[in-house]
Amino acid sequence: MTNAAVSPVAAKVALTVELKDAREMLNFYRGRVALLRAQLKEVRLDAKVDKITARNARAAAREEKRAEKIAKMEAKLLALKTGPVGAKAVRANKKPSKAKTTKFVTVVDQFGTTAQVAA
């Protein structure tokens, strides 16, 4: 069969059916594209939420560590302010005795080194 043997009505019907199939396929693929776009958007939003959650968790951990450090340093400062404890406190609270003075003499040995020695 040649193109001349096909009637114009049959060709029109064939083209109409083909056009209808093409429109249906086009609508199907448009729907598929819209669905894929929505899924991609959802995945991006989930990733963004996970990233923000992780960032907030890191910030909270940093703040917690910082608060622990501050508390530790404040405890050290308070310990320094209160003064000595135990045997050191007993020694610190004793009345001072009469001051002893010791004479120091500078001695030069045979090698030329100097040292201070109590006399």
N, C-alpha and C. Protein backbone atom coordinates (compact mmCIF):
# COMPACT_ATOMS: atom_id res chain seq x y z
N MET A 1 0.81 -1.18 0.00
CA MET A 1 0.00 0.00 0.00
C MET A 1 0.86 1.24 0.00
N THR A 2 0.39 2.22 -0.70
CA THR A 2 1.10 3.48 -0.79
C THR A 2 0.28 4.54 -0.09
N ASN A 3 0.84 5.71 0.02
CA ASN A 3 0.14 6.81 0.67
C ASN A 3 -1.11 7.21 -0.11
N ALA A 4 -1.08 7.02 -1.38
CA ALA A 4 -2.23 7.39 -2.20
C ALA A 4 -3.39 6.44 -1.96
N ALA A 5 -3.11 5.21 -1.51
CA ALA A 5 -4.16 4.22 -1.30
C ALA A 5 -4.92 4.47 -0.01
N VAL A 6 -4.33 5.21 0.95
CA VAL A 6 -5.00 5.48 2.23
C VAL A 6 -5.96 6.63 2.03
N SER A 7 -7.18 6.41 2.48
CA SER A 7 -8.17 7.46 2.30
C SER A 7 -7.94 8.58 3.30
N PRO A 8 -8.31 9.80 2.94
CA PRO A 8 -8.10 10.94 3.84
C PRO A 8 -8.88 10.79 5.13
N VAL A 9 -10.02 10.15 5.12
CA VAL A 9 -10.82 9.99 6.34
C VAL A 9 -10.09 9.04 7.30
N ALA A 10 -9.56 7.95 6.78
CA ALA A 10 -8.83 6.99 7.61
C ALA A 10 -7.58 7.63 8.19
N ALA A 11 -6.90 8.45 7.40
CA ALA A 11 -5.70 9.14 7.88
C ALA A 11 -6.06 10.11 8.99
N LYS A 12 -7.19 10.80 8.82
CA LYS A 12 -7.63 11.76 9.84
C LYS A 12 -7.96 11.03 11.14
N VAL A 13 -8.64 9.88 11.03
CA VAL A 13 -9.00 9.11 12.22
C VAL A 13 -7.73 8.60 12.90
N ALA A 14 -6.77 8.11 12.12
CA ALA A 14 -5.51 7.61 12.69
C ALA A 14 -4.76 8.73 13.39
N LEU A 15 -4.71 9.89 12.76
CA LEU A 15 -4.02 11.02 13.39
C LEU A 15 -4.76 11.48 14.64
N THR A 16 -6.07 11.45 14.64
CA THR A 16 -6.85 11.86 15.80
C THR A 16 -6.58 10.91 16.98
N VAL A 17 -6.55 9.61 16.69
CA VAL A 17 -6.27 8.62 17.74
C VAL A 17 -4.85 8.81 18.27
N GLU A 18 -3.90 9.04 17.37
CA GLU A 18 -2.51 9.25 17.79
C GLU A 18 -2.37 10.52 18.62
N LEU A 19 -3.08 11.59 18.23
CA LEU A 19 -3.06 12.84 18.98
C LEU A 19 -3.65 12.65 20.37
N LYS A 20 -4.74 11.88 20.45
CA LYS A 20 -5.37 11.62 21.74
C LYS A 20 -4.41 10.84 22.65
N ASP A 21 -3.73 9.82 22.09
CA ASP A 21 -2.75 9.06 22.87
C ASP A 21 -1.60 9.94 23.34
N ALA A 22 -1.15 10.83 22.46
CA ALA A 22 -0.05 11.73 22.81
C ALA A 22 -0.46 12.68 23.93
N ARG A 23 -1.71 13.18 23.88
CA ARG A 23 -2.20 14.08 24.94
C ARG A 23 -2.30 13.33 26.26
N GLU A 24 -2.76 12.08 26.21
CA GLU A 24 -2.86 11.28 27.43
C GLU A 24 -1.46 11.04 28.03
N MET A 25 -0.50 10.72 27.16
CA MET A 25 0.87 10.51 27.63
C MET A 25 1.44 11.80 28.21
N LEU A 26 1.14 12.92 27.54
CA LEU A 26 1.61 14.22 28.01
C LEU A 26 1.03 14.52 29.39
N ASN A 27 -0.26 14.28 29.57
CA ASN A 27 -0.90 14.51 30.87
C ASN A 27 -0.30 13.58 31.93
N PHE A 28 -0.03 12.33 31.55
CA PHE A 28 0.57 11.38 32.49
C PHE A 28 1.95 11.88 32.94
N TYR A 29 2.77 12.29 31.97
CA TYR A 29 4.12 12.74 32.32
C TYR A 29 4.11 14.06 33.07
N ARG A 30 3.14 14.93 32.77
CA ARG A 30 3.02 16.17 33.57
C ARG A 30 2.70 15.84 35.02
N GLY A 31 1.79 14.91 35.22
CA GLY A 31 1.45 14.48 36.57
C GLY A 31 2.64 13.85 37.26
N ARG A 32 3.38 13.04 36.51
CA ARG A 32 4.57 12.38 37.06
C ARG A 32 5.63 13.42 37.46
N VAL A 33 5.82 14.42 36.61
CA VAL A 33 6.78 15.49 36.91
C VAL A 33 6.34 16.25 38.16
N ALA A 34 5.05 16.55 38.26
CA ALA A 34 4.55 17.27 39.45
C ALA A 34 4.78 16.44 40.71
N LEU A 35 4.53 15.13 40.63
CA LEU A 35 4.73 14.24 41.77
C LEU A 35 6.20 14.20 42.16
N LEU A 36 7.09 14.08 41.19
CA LEU A 36 8.53 14.05 41.48
C LEU A 36 9.02 15.37 42.07
N ARG A 37 8.47 16.47 41.57
CA ARG A 37 8.84 17.78 42.14
C ARG A 37 8.42 17.87 43.60
N ALA A 38 7.21 17.40 43.90
CA ALA A 38 6.71 17.44 45.28
C ALA A 38 7.58 16.56 46.18
N GLN A 39 7.97 15.37 45.69
CA GLN A 39 8.83 14.49 46.48
C GLN A 39 10.20 15.13 46.72
N LEU A 40 10.74 15.75 45.70
CA LEU A 40 12.04 16.41 45.83
C LEU A 40 11.97 17.56 46.83
N LYS A 41 10.88 18.31 46.77
CA LYS A 41 10.69 19.42 47.71
C LYS A 41 10.61 18.90 49.14
N GLU A 42 9.91 17.80 49.33
CA GLU A 42 9.77 17.20 50.66
C GLU A 42 11.12 16.72 51.18
N VAL A 43 11.91 16.10 50.30
CA VAL A 43 13.23 15.62 50.70
C VAL A 43 14.11 16.80 51.09
N ARG A 44 14.06 17.88 50.32
CA ARG A 44 14.87 19.07 50.64
C ARG A 44 14.46 19.66 51.98
N LEU A 45 13.15 19.73 52.22
CA LEU A 45 12.67 20.28 53.50
C LEU A 45 13.11 19.40 54.66
N ASP A 46 13.03 18.08 54.49
CA ASP A 46 13.48 17.17 55.55
C ASP A 46 14.96 17.36 55.83
N ALA A 47 15.75 17.50 54.78
CA ALA A 47 17.19 17.70 54.96
C ALA A 47 17.46 19.02 55.69
N LYS A 48 16.69 20.05 55.33
CA LYS A 48 16.86 21.35 55.97
C LYS A 48 16.50 21.27 57.46
N VAL A 49 15.40 20.58 57.75
CA VAL A 49 14.98 20.43 59.15
C VAL A 49 16.04 19.65 59.94
N ASP A 50 16.57 18.57 59.34
CA ASP A 50 17.61 17.78 60.01
C ASP A 50 18.84 18.64 60.27
N LYS A 51 19.21 19.46 59.29
CA LYS A 51 20.39 20.32 59.44
C LYS A 51 20.19 21.33 60.57
N ILE A 52 19.01 21.94 60.62
CA ILE A 52 18.72 22.92 61.67
C ILE A 52 18.69 22.25 63.03
N THR A 53 18.10 21.05 63.10
CA THR A 53 18.04 20.31 64.36
C THR A 53 19.45 19.98 64.85
N ALA A 54 20.30 19.53 63.95
CA ALA A 54 21.68 19.22 64.33
C ALA A 54 22.42 20.47 64.79
N ARG A 55 22.21 21.58 64.10
CA ARG A 55 22.86 22.83 64.48
C ARG A 55 22.42 23.26 65.88
N ASN A 56 21.11 23.15 66.14
CA ASN A 56 20.60 23.53 67.46
C ASN A 56 21.14 22.60 68.55
N ALA A 57 21.26 21.31 68.23
CA ALA A 57 21.80 20.36 69.21
C ALA A 57 23.26 20.69 69.53
N ARG A 58 24.04 21.03 68.48
CA ARG A 58 25.44 21.41 68.72
C ARG A 58 25.52 22.68 69.57
N ALA A 59 24.65 23.63 69.28
CA ALA A 59 24.66 24.88 70.05
C ALA A 59 24.29 24.62 71.50
N ALA A 60 23.31 23.74 71.72
CA ALA A 60 22.91 23.41 73.09
C ALA A 60 24.04 22.71 73.83
N ALA A 61 24.74 21.82 73.14
CA ALA A 61 25.88 21.13 73.76
C ALA A 61 26.98 22.12 74.10
N ARG A 62 27.23 23.08 73.20
CA ARG A 62 28.24 24.10 73.48
C ARG A 62 27.87 24.91 74.71
N GLU A 63 26.60 25.31 74.78
CA GLU A 63 26.15 26.11 75.92
C GLU A 63 26.25 25.31 77.22
N GLU A 64 25.93 24.02 77.14
CA GLU A 64 26.02 23.18 78.33
C GLU A 64 27.47 23.06 78.80
N LYS A 65 28.39 22.84 77.87
CA LYS A 65 29.81 22.76 78.23
C LYS A 65 30.29 24.08 78.82
N ARG A 66 29.84 25.16 78.20
CA ARG A 66 30.25 26.49 78.68
C ARG A 66 29.75 26.72 80.10
N ALA A 67 28.48 26.34 80.35
CA ALA A 67 27.92 26.50 81.69
C ALA A 67 28.68 25.65 82.71
N GLU A 68 29.05 24.42 82.30
CA GLU A 68 29.83 23.57 83.20
C GLU A 68 31.19 24.20 83.51
N LYS A 69 31.84 24.75 82.48
CA LYS A 69 33.14 25.40 82.70
C LYS A 69 33.00 26.59 83.64
N ILE A 70 31.96 27.38 83.42
CA ILE A 70 31.74 28.56 84.27
C ILE A 70 31.51 28.13 85.70
N ALA A 71 30.69 27.09 85.89
CA ALA A 71 30.41 26.61 87.25
C ALA A 71 31.69 26.10 87.91
N LYS A 72 32.50 25.40 87.15
CA LYS A 72 33.76 24.86 87.69
C LYS A 72 34.70 26.00 88.09
N MET A 73 34.81 27.01 87.22
CA MET A 73 35.68 28.14 87.53
C MET A 73 35.15 28.95 88.70
N GLU A 74 33.83 29.09 88.80
CA GLU A 74 33.26 29.80 89.95
C GLU A 74 33.52 29.05 91.24
N ALA A 75 33.47 27.71 91.18
CA ALA A 75 33.78 26.92 92.36
C ALA A 75 35.23 27.12 92.77
N LYS A 76 36.13 27.14 91.78
CA LYS A 76 37.55 27.38 92.08
C LYS A 76 37.74 28.76 92.69
N LEU A 77 37.06 29.76 92.13
CA LEU A 77 37.18 31.12 92.64
C LEU A 77 36.66 31.21 94.07
N LEU A 78 35.55 30.55 94.34
CA LEU A 78 34.99 30.55 95.69
C LEU A 78 35.95 29.87 96.66
N ALA A 79 36.59 28.79 96.20
CA ALA A 79 37.56 28.11 97.06
C ALA A 79 38.74 29.01 97.35
N LEU A 80 39.16 29.79 96.35
CA LEU A 80 40.27 30.71 96.58
C LEU A 80 39.88 31.84 97.52
N LYS A 81 38.62 32.28 97.42
CA LYS A 81 38.16 33.38 98.27
C LYS A 81 38.01 32.96 99.73
N THR A 82 37.63 31.71 99.95
CA THR A 82 37.39 31.27 101.33
C THR A 82 38.67 31.10 102.10
N GLY A 83 39.76 30.92 101.42
CA GLY A 83 41.04 30.80 102.11
C GLY A 83 41.41 29.34 102.29
N PRO A 84 42.50 29.11 103.01
CA PRO A 84 43.00 27.75 103.17
C PRO A 84 42.09 26.91 104.05
N VAL A 85 42.21 25.58 103.87
CA VAL A 85 41.39 24.63 104.61
C VAL A 85 42.31 23.62 105.25
N GLY A 86 41.93 23.11 106.41
CA GLY A 86 42.69 22.05 107.07
C GLY A 86 43.95 22.56 107.74
N ALA A 87 45.04 21.82 107.53
CA ALA A 87 46.31 22.15 108.18
C ALA A 87 46.82 23.51 107.73
N LYS A 88 46.56 23.84 106.48
CA LYS A 88 47.00 25.15 105.99
C LYS A 88 46.26 26.28 106.72
N ALA A 89 45.00 26.05 107.04
CA ALA A 89 44.23 27.07 107.75
C ALA A 89 44.75 27.24 109.16
N VAL A 90 45.13 26.13 109.80
CA VAL A 90 45.67 26.21 111.16
C VAL A 90 46.95 27.02 111.15
N ARG A 91 47.83 26.72 110.19
CA ARG A 91 49.09 27.45 110.09
C ARG A 91 48.84 28.93 109.79
N ALA A 92 47.87 29.20 108.91
CA ALA A 92 47.62 30.58 108.52
C ALA A 92 47.02 31.38 109.67
N ASN A 93 46.29 30.73 110.56
CA ASN A 93 45.63 31.45 111.66
C ASN A 93 46.50 31.58 112.90
N LYS A 94 47.67 30.95 112.91
CA LYS A 94 48.57 31.08 114.05
C LYS A 94 49.11 32.50 114.11
N LYS A 95 49.38 32.93 115.34
CA LYS A 95 49.98 34.25 115.49
C LYS A 95 51.43 34.17 115.05
N PRO A 96 51.88 35.19 114.39
CA PRO A 96 53.27 35.14 113.94
C PRO A 96 54.23 35.22 115.12
N SER A 97 55.25 34.45 115.07
CA SER A 97 56.26 34.49 116.13
C SER A 97 57.28 35.58 115.77
N LYS A 98 58.24 35.72 116.67
CA LYS A 98 59.26 36.73 116.45
C LYS A 98 60.02 36.38 115.17
N ALA A 99 60.24 37.38 114.37
CA ALA A 99 60.89 37.14 113.09
C ALA A 99 62.35 36.77 113.31
N LYS A 100 62.82 35.80 112.56
CA LYS A 100 64.22 35.39 112.63
C LYS A 100 64.94 36.02 111.45
N THR A 101 66.09 36.54 111.74
CA THR A 101 66.89 37.07 110.65
C THR A 101 68.12 36.19 110.51
N THR A 102 68.44 35.91 109.32
CA THR A 102 69.60 35.08 109.04
C THR A 102 70.53 35.88 108.15
N LYS A 103 71.79 35.81 108.49
CA LYS A 103 72.76 36.50 107.65
C LYS A 103 73.12 35.61 106.48
N PHE A 104 73.19 36.22 105.34
CA PHE A 104 73.62 35.49 104.16
C PHE A 104 74.95 36.06 103.72
N VAL A 105 75.83 35.18 103.40
CA VAL A 105 77.15 35.58 102.98
C VAL A 105 77.35 35.06 101.57
N THR A 106 77.89 35.92 100.74
CA THR A 106 78.17 35.49 99.37
C THR A 106 79.53 34.84 99.34
N VAL A 107 79.57 33.63 98.85
CA VAL A 107 80.80 32.87 98.82
C VAL A 107 81.17 32.63 97.37
N VAL A 108 82.44 32.85 97.06
CA VAL A 108 82.94 32.59 95.72
C VAL A 108 83.86 31.38 95.84
N ASP A 109 83.55 30.34 95.10
CA ASP A 109 84.40 29.15 95.20
C ASP A 109 85.56 29.24 94.22
N GLN A 110 86.29 28.16 94.14
CA GLN A 110 87.48 28.18 93.32
C GLN A 110 87.20 28.28 91.83
N PHE A 111 85.97 27.96 91.41
CA PHE A 111 85.62 28.03 89.99
C PHE A 111 85.03 29.38 89.60
N GLY A 112 84.82 30.26 90.54
CA GLY A 112 84.31 31.57 90.24
C GLY A 112 82.80 31.68 90.36
N THR A 113 82.12 30.63 90.87
CA THR A 113 80.66 30.68 91.05
C THR A 113 80.36 31.31 92.39
N THR A 114 79.28 32.06 92.39
CA THR A 114 78.87 32.71 93.65
C THR A 114 77.64 32.01 94.16
N ALA A 115 77.53 31.94 95.48
CA ALA A 115 76.35 31.33 96.12
C ALA A 115 76.13 32.06 97.43
N GLN A 116 74.88 32.08 97.85
CA GLN A 116 74.57 32.71 99.15
C GLN A 116 74.42 31.60 100.17
N VAL A 117 75.11 31.75 101.25
CA VAL A 117 75.11 30.73 102.30
C VAL A 117 74.71 31.43 103.59
N ALA A 118 73.88 30.75 104.40
CA ALA A 118 73.48 31.32 105.70
C ALA A 118 74.66 31.23 106.65
N ALA A 119 74.85 32.31 107.37
CA ALA A 119 76.00 32.34 108.28
C ALA A 119 75.63 31.94 109.66
